[in-house]
C-alpha atoms as a PDB file:
ATOM      1  CA  UNK A   1     -70.590 -22.537   8.965  1.00  0.00           C
ATOM      2  CA  UNK A   2     -74.231 -24.368   9.073  1.00  0.00           C
ATOM      3  CA  UNK A   3     -74.816 -27.947   9.359  1.00  0.00           C
ATOM      4  CA  UNK A   4     -77.589 -29.165   6.784  1.00  0.00           C
ATOM      5  CA  UNK A   5     -79.465 -32.277   8.439  1.00  0.00           C
ATOM      6  CA  UNK A   6     -80.153 -34.933   5.575  1.00  0.00           C
ATOM      7  CA  UNK A   7     -83.621 -34.744   4.116  1.00  0.00           C
ATOM      8  CA  UNK A   8     -85.109 -38.086   4.528  1.00  0.00           C
ATOM      9  CA  UNK A   9     -86.746 -40.060   0.810  1.00  0.00           C
ATOM     10  CA  UNK A  10     -90.806 -41.504   0.934  1.00  0.00           C
ATOM     11  CA  UNK A  11     -89.136 -45.007   0.735  1.00  0.00           C
ATOM     12  CA  UNK A  12     -88.305 -46.993  -2.246  1.00  0.00           C
ATOM     13  CA  UNK A  13     -90.766 -47.425  -5.495  1.00  0.00           C
ATOM     14  CA  UNK A  14     -91.417 -50.900  -4.012  1.00  0.00           C
ATOM     15  CA  UNK A  15     -92.232 -49.889  -0.554  1.00  0.00           C
ATOM     16  CA  UNK A  16     -94.796 -47.441  -1.799  1.00  0.00           C
ATOM     17  CA  UNK A  17     -95.900 -50.032  -4.405  1.00  0.00           C
ATOM     18  CA  UNK A  18     -96.768 -52.136  -1.171  1.00  0.00           C
ATOM     19  CA  UNK A  19     -98.459 -49.851   0.913  1.00  0.00           C
ATOM     20  CA  UNK A  20    -100.931 -49.965  -2.159  1.00  0.00           C
ATOM     21  CA  UNK A  21    -101.440 -53.330  -3.267  1.00  0.00           C
ATOM     22  CA  UNK A  22    -101.343 -56.809  -1.373  1.00  0.00           C
ATOM     23  CA  UNK A  23     -98.279 -58.395  -2.973  1.00  0.00           C
ATOM     24  CA  UNK A  24     -98.485 -61.052  -0.168  1.00  0.00           C
ATOM     25  CA  UNK A  25    -101.068 -62.810  -1.643  1.00  0.00           C
ATOM     26  CA  UNK A  26    -100.116 -62.698  -5.021  1.00  0.00           C
ATOM     27  CA  UNK A  27     -97.348 -64.559  -3.754  1.00  0.00           C
ATOM     28  CA  UNK A  28     -98.474 -67.335  -1.441  1.00  0.00           C
ATOM     29  CA  UNK A  29    -100.613 -68.068  -4.625  1.00  0.00           C
ATOM     30  CA  UNK A  30    -104.002 -67.287  -3.057  1.00  0.00           C
ATOM     31  CA  UNK A  31    -106.325 -65.276  -5.466  1.00  0.00           C
ATOM     32  CA  UNK A  32    -108.435 -62.862  -3.971  1.00  0.00           C
ATOM     33  CA  UNK A  33    -112.408 -63.728  -3.452  1.00  0.00           C
ATOM     34  CA  UNK A  34    -115.063 -63.248  -5.709  1.00  0.00           C
ATOM     35  CA  UNK A  35    -117.325 -60.716  -4.460  1.00  0.00           C
ATOM     36  CA  UNK A  36    -121.330 -60.340  -5.736  1.00  0.00           C
ATOM     37  CA  UNK A  37    -121.390 -56.655  -7.328  1.00  0.00           C
ATOM     38  CA  UNK A  38    -124.910 -56.697  -6.298  1.00  0.00           C
ATOM     39  CA  UNK A  39    -124.036 -57.025  -2.603  1.00  0.00           C
ATOM     40  CA  UNK A  40    -122.081 -53.911  -3.207  1.00  0.00           C
ATOM     41  CA  UNK A  41    -122.925 -49.878  -2.085  1.00  0.00           C
ATOM     42  CA  UNK A  42    -123.659 -47.667  -4.990  1.00  0.00           C
ATOM     43  CA  UNK A  43    -120.668 -46.137  -5.428  1.00  0.00           C
ATOM     44  CA  UNK A  44    -120.690 -42.376  -4.695  1.00  0.00           C
ATOM     45  CA  UNK A  45    -120.198 -39.872  -7.442  1.00  0.00           C
ATOM     46  CA  UNK A  46    -117.759 -37.699  -6.623  1.00  0.00           C
ATOM     47  CA  UNK A  47    -117.848 -33.633  -7.528  1.00  0.00           C
ATOM     48  CA  UNK A  48    -116.839 -32.163  -9.854  1.00  0.00           C
ATOM     49  CA  UNK A  49    -113.448 -30.524  -8.840  1.00  0.00           C
ATOM     50  CA  UNK A  50    -111.487 -27.933 -10.881  1.00  0.00           C
ATOM     51  CA  UNK A  51    -108.666 -28.984 -13.099  1.00  0.00           C
ATOM     52  CA  UNK A  52    -105.456 -27.843 -10.689  1.00  0.00           C
ATOM     53  CA  UNK A  53    -103.199 -24.931 -11.990  1.00  0.00           C
ATOM     54  CA  UNK A  54     -99.321 -25.030 -11.979  1.00  0.00           C
ATOM     55  CA  UNK A  55     -97.303 -22.235 -11.800  1.00  0.00           C
ATOM     56  CA  UNK A  56     -94.691 -21.745 -14.589  1.00  0.00           C
ATOM     57  CA  UNK A  57     -91.401 -23.043 -13.151  1.00  0.00           C
ATOM     58  CA  UNK A  58     -89.213 -18.984 -13.218  1.00  0.00           C
ATOM     59  CA  UNK A  59     -86.742 -19.160 -15.386  1.00  0.00           C
ATOM     60  CA  UNK A  60     -82.948 -19.337 -13.471  1.00  0.00           C
ATOM     61  CA  UNK A  61     -81.438 -15.612 -14.007  1.00  0.00           C
ATOM     62  CA  UNK A  62     -79.059 -15.470 -16.420  1.00  0.00           C
ATOM     63  CA  UNK A  63     -75.742 -16.072 -15.701  1.00  0.00           C
ATOM     64  CA  UNK A  64     -73.090 -12.464 -16.548  1.00  0.00           C
ATOM     65  CA  UNK A  65     -69.443 -14.010 -17.142  1.00  0.00           C
ATOM     66  CA  UNK A  66     -68.251 -10.945 -17.796  1.00  0.00           C
ATOM     67  CA  UNK A  67     -69.118  -9.528 -14.210  1.00  0.00           C
ATOM     68  CA  UNK A  68     -65.903  -8.804 -12.586  1.00  0.00           C
ATOM     69  CA  UNK A  69     -65.349 -10.679  -8.972  1.00  0.00           C
ATOM     70  CA  UNK A  70     -64.738  -8.233  -6.113  1.00  0.00           C
ATOM     71  CA  UNK A  71     -62.196 -10.156  -3.503  1.00  0.00           C
ATOM     72  CA  UNK A  72     -62.804  -8.993   0.484  1.00  0.00           C
ATOM     73  CA  UNK A  73     -61.146  -6.381   1.578  1.00  0.00           C
ATOM     74  CA  UNK A  74     -57.821  -8.100   3.250  1.00  0.00           C
ATOM     75  CA  UNK A  75     -58.354  -6.567   7.060  1.00  0.00           C
ATOM     76  CA  UNK A  76     -55.402  -6.300   9.461  1.00  0.00           C
ATOM     77  CA  UNK A  77     -55.782  -8.998  12.814  1.00  0.00           C
ATOM     78  CA  UNK A  78     -56.713  -7.808  16.212  1.00  0.00           C
ATOM     79  CA  UNK A  79     -53.408  -8.108  18.693  1.00  0.00           C
ATOM     80  CA  UNK A  80     -54.391 -11.077  20.982  1.00  0.00           C
ATOM     81  CA  UNK A  81     -51.785 -11.346  23.239  1.00  0.00           C
ATOM     82  CA  UNK A  82     -51.720 -10.773  26.945  1.00  0.00           C
ATOM     83  CA  UNK A  83     -52.463  -7.472  28.312  1.00  0.00           C
ATOM     84  CA  UNK A  84     -49.054  -5.418  30.267  1.00  0.00           C
ATOM     85  CA  UNK A  85     -49.923  -2.533  32.725  1.00  0.00           C
ATOM     86  CA  UNK A  86     -48.177   0.592  31.788  1.00  0.00           C
ATOM     87  CA  UNK A  87     -46.316   1.107  35.318  1.00  0.00           C
ATOM     88  CA  UNK A  88     -47.524   5.219  36.367  1.00  0.00           C
ATOM     89  CA  UNK A  89     -45.066   5.638  38.002  1.00  0.00           C
ATOM     90  CA  UNK A  90     -42.342   5.735  35.557  1.00  0.00           C
ATOM     91  CA  UNK A  91     -44.295   7.978  33.499  1.00  0.00           C
ATOM     92  CA  UNK A  92     -44.332  10.598  36.184  1.00  0.00           C
ATOM     93  CA  UNK A  93     -40.996  10.025  37.456  1.00  0.00           C
ATOM     94  CA  UNK A  94     -39.465  10.628  33.471  1.00  0.00           C
ATOM     95  CA  UNK A  95     -41.461  13.299  33.073  1.00  0.00           C
ATOM     96  CA  UNK A  96     -44.320  11.272  30.485  1.00  0.00           C
ATOM     97  CA  UNK A  97     -47.553  12.356  30.053  1.00  0.00           C
ATOM     98  CA  UNK A  98     -50.149  10.474  32.549  1.00  0.00           C
ATOM     99  CA  UNK A  99     -53.470   9.477  31.047  1.00  0.00           C
ATOM    100  CA  UNK A 100     -55.436   9.636  34.378  1.00  0.00           C
ATOM    101  CA  UNK A 101     -53.866  12.780  35.561  1.00  0.00           C
ATOM    102  CA  UNK A 102     -54.869  16.699  35.142  1.00  0.00           C
ATOM    103  CA  UNK A 103     -54.678  18.473  31.996  1.00  0.00           C
ATOM    104  CA  UNK A 104     -51.250  20.204  31.924  1.00  0.00           C
ATOM    105  CA  UNK A 105     -49.266  22.867  29.494  1.00  0.00           C
ATOM    106  CA  UNK A 106     -47.469  20.113  27.855  1.00  0.00           C
ATOM    107  CA  UNK A 107     -50.307  17.576  27.741  1.00  0.00           C
ATOM    108  CA  UNK A 108     -52.136  20.435  25.917  1.00  0.00           C
ATOM    109  CA  UNK A 109     -49.147  21.321  23.758  1.00  0.00           C
ATOM    110  CA  UNK A 110     -49.422  17.437  22.364  1.00  0.00           C
ATOM    111  CA  UNK A 111     -53.085  17.857  21.744  1.00  0.00           C
ATOM    112  CA  UNK A 112     -52.576  20.937  19.488  1.00  0.00           C
ATOM    113  CA  UNK A 113     -49.606  18.342  17.700  1.00  0.00           C
ATOM    114  CA  UNK A 114     -52.017  15.729  17.328  1.00  0.00           C
ATOM    115  CA  UNK A 115     -54.455  17.429  15.520  1.00  0.00           C
ATOM    116  CA  UNK A 116     -52.584  19.424  13.449  1.00  0.00           C
ATOM    117  CA  UNK A 117     -50.565  15.312  12.425  1.00  0.00           C
ATOM    118  CA  UNK A 118     -53.987  13.868  12.188  1.00  0.00           C
ATOM    119  CA  UNK A 119     -55.286  16.585   9.900  1.00  0.00           C
ATOM    120  CA  UNK A 120     -52.292  15.709   7.927  1.00  0.00           C
ATOM    121  CA  UNK A 121     -52.850  11.675   7.984  1.00  0.00           C
ATOM    122  CA  UNK A 122     -56.567  12.259   6.509  1.00  0.00           C
ATOM    123  CA  UNK A 123     -56.347  10.683   3.486  1.00  0.00           C
ATOM    124  CA  UNK A 124     -52.636  10.285   3.094  1.00  0.00           C
ATOM    125  CA  UNK A 125     -51.415   7.505   0.149  1.00  0.00           C
ATOM    126  CA  UNK A 126     -48.249   6.902   2.593  1.00  0.00           C
ATOM    127  CA  UNK A 127     -50.521   5.785   5.163  1.00  0.00           C
ATOM    128  CA  UNK A 128     -51.112   6.238   8.891  1.00  0.00           C
ATOM    129  CA  UNK A 129     -47.384   5.777   9.416  1.00  0.00           C
ATOM    130  CA  UNK A 130     -45.445   8.772  11.983  1.00  0.00           C
ATOM    131  CA  UNK A 131     -41.822   8.574  12.056  1.00  0.00           C
ATOM    132  CA  UNK A 132     -40.333  10.298  15.012  1.00  0.00           C
ATOM    133  CA  UNK A 133     -36.474  11.559  14.282  1.00  0.00           C
ATOM    134  CA  UNK A 134     -33.763  13.497  15.615  1.00  0.00           C
ATOM    135  CA  UNK A 135     -30.306  14.722  14.455  1.00  0.00           C
ATOM    136  CA  UNK A 136     -28.311  13.653  17.399  1.00  0.00           C
ATOM    137  CA  UNK A 137     -28.967  11.329  20.191  1.00  0.00           C
ATOM    138  CA  UNK A 138     -30.549  13.774  23.431  1.00  0.00           C
ATOM    139  CA  UNK A 139     -32.745  15.599  21.345  1.00  0.00           C
ATOM    140  CA  UNK A 140     -35.677  14.260  22.733  1.00  0.00           C
ATOM    141  CA  UNK A 141     -37.445  11.954  20.082  1.00  0.00           C
ATOM    142  CA  UNK A 142     -37.925   9.209  22.303  1.00  0.00           C
ATOM    143  CA  UNK A 143     -39.557  11.537  25.235  1.00  0.00           C
ATOM    144  CA  UNK A 144     -41.599  12.888  21.927  1.00  0.00           C
ATOM    145  CA  UNK A 145     -42.570   9.817  20.466  1.00  0.00           C
ATOM    146  CA  UNK A 146     -44.446   8.160  24.104  1.00  0.00           C
ATOM    147  CA  UNK A 147     -45.856  11.660  24.627  1.00  0.00           C
ATOM    148  CA  UNK A 148     -47.208  11.435  20.871  1.00  0.00           C
ATOM    149  CA  UNK A 149     -48.499   8.104  21.385  1.00  0.00           C
ATOM    150  CA  UNK A 150     -50.234   8.940  24.607  1.00  0.00           C
ATOM    151  CA  UNK A 151     -51.890  11.533  23.702  1.00  0.00           C
ATOM    152  CA  UNK A 152     -52.864  10.103  20.622  1.00  0.00           C
ATOM    153  CA  UNK A 153     -54.295   6.848  22.380  1.00  0.00           C
ATOM    154  CA  UNK A 154     -57.043   9.567  24.437  1.00  0.00           C
ATOM    155  CA  UNK A 155     -58.581  10.142  20.881  1.00  0.00           C
ATOM    156  CA  UNK A 156     -61.910   7.629  21.090  1.00  0.00           C
ATOM    157  CA  UNK A 157     -62.167   6.659  17.715  1.00  0.00           C
ATOM    158  CA  UNK A 158     -57.630   5.484  17.444  1.00  0.00           C
ATOM    159  CA  UNK A 159     -55.597   2.326  18.039  1.00  0.00           C
ATOM    160  CA  UNK A 160     -52.110   3.093  18.326  1.00  0.00           C
ATOM    161  CA  UNK A 161     -48.691   1.102  17.487  1.00  0.00           C
ATOM    162  CA  UNK A 162     -45.853   2.694  19.201  1.00  0.00           C
ATOM    163  CA  UNK A 163     -43.294   0.795  17.617  1.00  0.00           C
ATOM    164  CA  UNK A 164     -39.145   0.890  19.102  1.00  0.00           C
ATOM    165  CA  UNK A 165     -37.266   1.322  15.742  1.00  0.00           C
ATOM    166  CA  UNK A 166     -34.116   2.214  17.470  1.00  0.00           C
ATOM    167  CA  UNK A 167     -32.511  -0.878  17.063  1.00  0.00           C
ATOM    168  CA  UNK A 168     -29.051   0.114  18.295  1.00  0.00           C
ATOM    169  CA  UNK A 169     -30.186   1.451  21.938  1.00  0.00           C
ATOM    170  CA  UNK A 170     -33.981   0.608  22.520  1.00  0.00           C
ATOM    171  CA  UNK A 171     -35.481   1.271  25.360  1.00  0.00           C
ATOM    172  CA  UNK A 172     -39.738   2.028  25.228  1.00  0.00           C
ATOM    173  CA  UNK A 173     -41.160  -1.463  26.767  1.00  0.00           C
ATOM    174  CA  UNK A 174     -38.475  -0.393  29.998  1.00  0.00           C
ATOM    175  CA  UNK A 175     -39.337   3.014  29.793  1.00  0.00           C
ATOM    176  CA  UNK A 176     -43.093   2.090  29.981  1.00  0.00           C
ATOM    177  CA  UNK A 177     -42.145  -0.908  32.739  1.00  0.00           C
ATOM    178  CA  UNK A 178     -43.343  -3.602  30.208  1.00  0.00           C
ATOM    179  CA  UNK A 179     -41.540  -6.672  29.377  1.00  0.00           C
ATOM    180  CA  UNK A 180     -40.146  -6.940  25.932  1.00  0.00           C
ATOM    181  CA  UNK A 181     -39.624  -9.787  23.861  1.00  0.00           C
ATOM    182  CA  UNK A 182     -39.244 -10.383  20.046  1.00  0.00           C
ATOM    183  CA  UNK A 183     -40.084  -7.636  17.700  1.00  0.00           C
ATOM    184  CA  UNK A 184     -39.738  -5.915  14.278  1.00  0.00           C
ATOM    185  CA  UNK A 185     -36.367  -6.988  13.630  1.00  0.00           C
ATOM    186  CA  UNK A 186     -37.197 -10.490  14.359  1.00  0.00           C
ATOM    187  CA  UNK A 187     -39.966 -10.669  12.736  1.00  0.00           C
ATOM    188  CA  UNK A 188     -37.912  -9.147   9.297  1.00  0.00           C
ATOM    189  CA  UNK A 189     -35.131 -12.317   9.568  1.00  0.00           C
ATOM    190  CA  UNK A 190     -37.189 -14.652  10.651  1.00  0.00           C
ATOM    191  CA  UNK A 191     -40.548 -15.241   7.898  1.00  0.00           C
ATOM    192  CA  UNK A 192     -42.221 -17.808  10.345  1.00  0.00           C
ATOM    193  CA  UNK A 193     -42.324 -15.057  12.841  1.00  0.00           C
ATOM    194  CA  UNK A 194     -46.271 -13.613  12.605  1.00  0.00           C
ATOM    195  CA  UNK A 195     -45.608  -9.921  13.344  1.00  0.00           C
ATOM    196  CA  UNK A 196     -48.803  -9.316  14.643  1.00  0.00           C
ATOM    197  CA  UNK A 197     -47.703 -11.902  17.721  1.00  0.00           C
ATOM    198  CA  UNK A 198     -45.028  -9.655  18.975  1.00  0.00           C
ATOM    199  CA  UNK A 199     -47.058  -6.673  19.613  1.00  0.00           C
ATOM    200  CA  UNK A 200     -47.285  -6.042  23.321  1.00  0.00           C
ATOM    201  CA  UNK A 201     -50.925  -4.875  24.588  1.00  0.00           C
ATOM    202  CA  UNK A 202     -51.330  -2.747  27.626  1.00  0.00           C
ATOM    203  CA  UNK A 203     -53.940  -1.309  29.879  1.00  0.00           C
ATOM    204  CA  UNK A 204     -54.641   1.507  27.787  1.00  0.00           C
ATOM    205  CA  UNK A 205     -57.259  -0.120  25.534  1.00  0.00           C
ATOM    206  CA  UNK A 206     -55.586   1.975  22.038  1.00  0.00           C
ATOM    207  CA  UNK A 207     -52.115   1.718  23.080  1.00  0.00           C
ATOM    208  CA  UNK A 208     -49.743  -0.988  21.679  1.00  0.00           C
ATOM    209  CA  UNK A 209     -46.175  -1.459  21.864  1.00  0.00           C
ATOM    210  CA  UNK A 210     -43.750  -3.308  19.220  1.00  0.00           C
ATOM    211  CA  UNK A 211     -40.357  -3.666  20.425  1.00  0.00           C
ATOM    212  CA  UNK A 212     -37.257  -3.298  18.645  1.00  0.00           C
ATOM    213  CA  UNK A 213     -36.232  -7.277  18.526  1.00  0.00           C
ATOM    214  CA  UNK A 214     -33.302  -8.381  18.467  1.00  0.00           C
ATOM    215  CA  UNK A 215     -29.932  -6.769  17.240  1.00  0.00           C
ATOM    216  CA  UNK A 216     -28.733  -6.965  13.351  1.00  0.00           C
ATOM    217  CA  UNK A 217     -26.007  -6.083  11.750  1.00  0.00           C
ATOM    218  CA  UNK A 218     -28.175  -5.980   9.009  1.00  0.00           C
ATOM    219  CA  UNK A 219     -30.940  -3.852   9.991  1.00  0.00           C
ATOM    220  CA  UNK A 220     -30.866  -1.154   7.342  1.00  0.00           C
ATOM    221  CA  UNK A 221     -30.964  -3.564   4.854  1.00  0.00           C
ATOM    222  CA  UNK A 222     -33.763  -5.290   6.251  1.00  0.00           C
ATOM    223  CA  UNK A 223     -35.387  -2.186   6.660  1.00  0.00           C
ATOM    224  CA  UNK A 224     -34.749  -1.447   2.700  1.00  0.00           C
ATOM    225  CA  UNK A 225     -36.138  -4.686   1.429  1.00  0.00           C
ATOM    226  CA  UNK A 226     -39.736  -5.722   0.589  1.00  0.00           C
ATOM    227  CA  UNK A 227     -40.087  -7.679   3.274  1.00  0.00           C
ATOM    228  CA  UNK A 228     -40.486  -3.969   6.026  1.00  0.00           C
ATOM    229  CA  UNK A 229     -43.683  -2.785   3.611  1.00  0.00           C
ATOM    230  CA  UNK A 230     -45.264  -5.719   3.755  1.00  0.00           C
ATOM    231  CA  UNK A 231     -44.935  -6.816   7.203  1.00  0.00           C
ATOM    232  CA  UNK A 232     -46.270  -2.978   7.602  1.00  0.00           C
ATOM    233  CA  UNK A 233     -49.000  -3.321   5.667  1.00  0.00           C
ATOM    234  CA  UNK A 234     -50.271  -6.369   7.505  1.00  0.00           C
ATOM    235  CA  UNK A 235     -50.084  -4.515  10.594  1.00  0.00           C
ATOM    236  CA  UNK A 236     -52.399  -1.563   9.158  1.00  0.00           C
ATOM    237  CA  UNK A 237     -54.203  -2.627   5.864  1.00  0.00           C
ATOM    238  CA  UNK A 238     -58.394  -2.016   6.300  1.00  0.00           C
ATOM    239  CA  UNK A 239     -57.549  -0.796   9.571  1.00  0.00           C
ATOM    240  CA  UNK A 240     -57.752   3.435   8.818  1.00  0.00           C
ATOM    241  CA  UNK A 241     -58.418   4.075  12.569  1.00  0.00           C
ATOM    242  CA  UNK A 242     -54.735   2.309  13.352  1.00  0.00           C
ATOM    243  CA  UNK A 243     -51.749   4.622  13.579  1.00  0.00           C
ATOM    244  CA  UNK A 244     -48.170   3.885  13.464  1.00  0.00           C
ATOM    245  CA  UNK A 245     -45.460   5.506  15.887  1.00  0.00           C
ATOM    246  CA  UNK A 246     -41.853   4.880  14.561  1.00  0.00           C
ATOM    247  CA  UNK A 247     -39.485   5.709  17.470  1.00  0.00           C
ATOM    248  CA  UNK A 248     -35.756   5.981  15.207  1.00  0.00           C
ATOM    249  CA  UNK A 249     -32.359   5.824  15.880  1.00  0.00           C
ATOM    250  CA  UNK A 250     -30.126   9.034  15.642  1.00  0.00           C
ATOM    251  CA  UNK A 251     -30.093  10.737  11.628  1.00  0.00           C
ATOM    252  CA  UNK A 252     -26.725  11.461  12.025  1.00  0.00           C
ATOM    253  CA  UNK A 253     -25.488   8.772  13.834  1.00  0.00           C
ATOM    254  CA  UNK A 254     -27.045   5.733  12.157  1.00  0.00           C
ATOM    255  CA  UNK A 255     -28.710   5.111   8.378  1.00  0.00           C
ATOM    256  CA  UNK A 256     -32.134   3.060   9.520  1.00  0.00           C
ATOM    257  CA  UNK A 257     -34.048   6.119  10.299  1.00  0.00           C
ATOM    258  CA  UNK A 258     -33.460   7.402   6.583  1.00  0.00           C
ATOM    259  CA  UNK A 259     -34.809   4.295   5.003  1.00  0.00           C
ATOM    260  CA  UNK A 260     -37.916   4.210   7.452  1.00  0.00           C
ATOM    261  CA  UNK A 261     -38.653   7.325   6.330  1.00  0.00           C
ATOM    262  CA  UNK A 262     -39.270   6.173   3.308  1.00  0.00           C
ATOM    263  CA  UNK A 263     -42.148   3.762   4.660  1.00  0.00           C
ATOM    264  CA  UNK A 264     -43.666   6.801   6.620  1.00  0.00           C
ATOM    265  CA  UNK A 265     -46.421   9.500   6.004  1.00  0.00           C
ATOM    266  CA  UNK A 266     -44.551  12.065   8.140  1.00  0.00           C
ATOM    267  CA  UNK A 267     -41.193  12.382   9.768  1.00  0.00           C
ATOM    268  CA  UNK A 268     -41.470  14.760  12.683  1.00  0.00           C
ATOM    269  CA  UNK A 269     -38.193  15.850  12.906  1.00  0.00           C
ATOM    270  CA  UNK A 270     -37.271  16.877  16.741  1.00  0.00           C
ATOM    271  CA  UNK A 271     -35.189  19.660  17.218  1.00  0.00           C
ATOM    272  CA  UNK A 272     -34.052  20.623  20.641  1.00  0.00           C
ATOM    273  CA  UNK A 273     -33.951  24.411  21.157  1.00  0.00           C
ATOM    274  CA  UNK A 274     -31.038  24.487  23.317  1.00  0.00           C
ATOM    275  CA  UNK A 275     -28.567  22.039  21.895  1.00  0.00           C
ATOM    276  CA  UNK A 276     -29.528  21.376  17.955  1.00  0.00           C
ATOM    277  CA  UNK A 277     -27.086  23.502  15.749  1.00  0.00           C
ATOM    278  CA  UNK A 278     -28.678  24.975  12.673  1.00  0.00           C
ATOM    279  CA  UNK A 279     -25.840  22.846  10.488  1.00  0.00           C
ATOM    280  CA  UNK A 280     -27.191  19.656  12.162  1.00  0.00           C
ATOM    281  CA  UNK A 281     -30.589  20.416  11.497  1.00  0.00           C
ATOM    282  CA  UNK A 282     -29.882  21.267   7.815  1.00  0.00           C
ATOM    283  CA  UNK A 283     -27.884  17.839   7.148  1.00  0.00           C
ATOM    284  CA  UNK A 284     -31.374  15.377   9.256  1.00  0.00           C
ATOM    285  CA  UNK A 285     -33.477  17.307   7.031  1.00  0.00           C
ATOM    286  CA  UNK A 286     -31.487  16.621   4.243  1.00  0.00           C
ATOM    287  CA  UNK A 287     -31.639  12.504   4.712  1.00  0.00           C
ATOM    288  CA  UNK A 288     -35.309  12.688   4.855  1.00  0.00           C
ATOM    289  CA  UNK A 289     -35.895  14.349   1.544  1.00  0.00           C
ATOM    290  CA  UNK A 290     -37.627  12.137  -1.194  1.00  0.00           C
ATOM    291  CA  UNK A 291     -39.601  10.419   1.684  1.00  0.00           C
ATOM    292  CA  UNK A 292     -41.887  11.174   4.184  1.00  0.00           C
ATOM    293  CA  UNK A 293     -43.289  14.871   4.559  1.00  0.00           C
ATOM    294  CA  UNK A 294     -40.899  16.900   7.450  1.00  0.00           C
ATOM    295  CA  UNK A 295     -42.668  18.655  10.099  1.00  0.00           C
ATOM    296  CA  UNK A 296     -40.197  19.837  12.947  1.00  0.00           C
ATOM    297  CA  UNK A 297     -40.919  19.886  16.514  1.00  0.00           C
ATOM    298  CA  UNK A 298     -38.998  22.210  18.695  1.00  0.00           C
ATOM    299  CA  UNK A 299     -38.395  20.414  22.090  1.00  0.00           C
ATOM    300  CA  UNK A 300     -37.286  21.791  25.782  1.00  0.00           C
ATOM    301  CA  UNK A 301     -39.116  25.147  24.946  1.00  0.00           C
ATOM    302  CA  UNK A 302     -39.176  27.604  28.070  1.00  0.00           C
ATOM    303  CA  UNK A 303     -42.639  29.954  27.726  1.00  0.00           C
ATOM    304  CA  UNK A 304     -41.975  33.230  29.737  1.00  0.00           C
ATOM    305  CA  UNK A 305     -45.190  34.715  31.672  1.00  0.00           C
ATOM    306  CA  UNK A 306     -46.559  36.527  28.633  1.00  0.00           C
ATOM    307  CA  UNK A 307     -47.265  33.051  26.841  1.00  0.00           C
ATOM    308  CA  UNK A 308     -49.780  30.443  26.594  1.00  0.00           C
ATOM    309  CA  UNK A 309     -50.407  28.859  29.601  1.00  0.00           C
ATOM    310  CA  UNK A 310     -53.207  25.905  29.024  1.00  0.00           C
ATOM    311  CA  UNK A 311     -52.130  24.290  32.679  1.00  0.00           C
ATOM    312  CA  UNK A 312     -52.559  27.441  34.064  1.00  0.00           C
ATOM    313  CA  UNK A 313     -55.962  27.644  32.623  1.00  0.00           C
ATOM    314  CA  UNK A 314     -56.966  24.394  33.406  1.00  0.00           C
ATOM    315  CA  UNK A 315     -55.537  24.425  37.003  1.00  0.00           C
ATOM    316  CA  UNK A 316     -58.113  27.349  37.786  1.00  0.00           C
ATOM    317  CA  UNK A 317     -61.384  25.063  37.826  1.00  0.00           C
ATOM    318  CA  UNK A 318     -64.823  25.404  36.403  1.00  0.00           C
ATOM    319  CA  UNK A 319     -65.825  28.237  38.123  1.00  0.00           C
ATOM    320  CA  UNK A 320     -65.681  30.510  35.120  1.00  0.00           C
ATOM    321  CA  UNK A 321     -67.027  29.813  32.123  1.00  0.00           C
END
């Protein structure tokens, strides 16, 4: 905010008059001495000067009372919490992508996946929100959610928020080696908690994590409330570069996943190739109807020798173009 110094005046009318007339002599009752006009030098004749001209004062601009007022566009706040380092050793042990590792078959598969998702999110009216879900526990939804977030975080103009929304069995911060704290459910239950203060910043600048928070018996009801949409808007409004990824509970085991789908643009339904039955897949997909756009992600696939092998290509080095 600019501060303006007060403008000094030229003095009061009395002070300015004192500079011109000798009021002191008049107050003392002394008259000015008489002077013989013949002793005075001739008065010089001033040269004629041109009359000063004054430019007309411009009229003030017309006020248009009917001009609509355009309020400033709201913008989601930046994360301001302390930065926590992601445990690279834990990433390797669990088979996750590493930001500093060489290109592999799996990293290329997630590159293809994210390119497809980014094209679908472009100008999507439901916002940049992706729900990663599955029919049953153990299908690999958390594995896919973390790897997708790590792959998207490699984009140069994106900011990724990975939300642990598996309120029954939260675990994303622990798998990344992060210290958890208050999370989404806490901010939903307590209006005094600012949701942006719950976000964990990581040493990957474009990747942050929102913990699940304290477990609640009313998690489905909280997620179905208007406050959920308001909080999610606060995380993303005015930030088209910010993508939110939810790791949800299994669809056939807990009800929050179907409610979360109503807040997402895309529901990525993870199907384990050697485990998920067709009947379970159909039942899970039916729970997502009327909400987000559904995409299937096949997990635990083994490639044969004749299939594409991105990792083998990059392993050859750059001696050949």
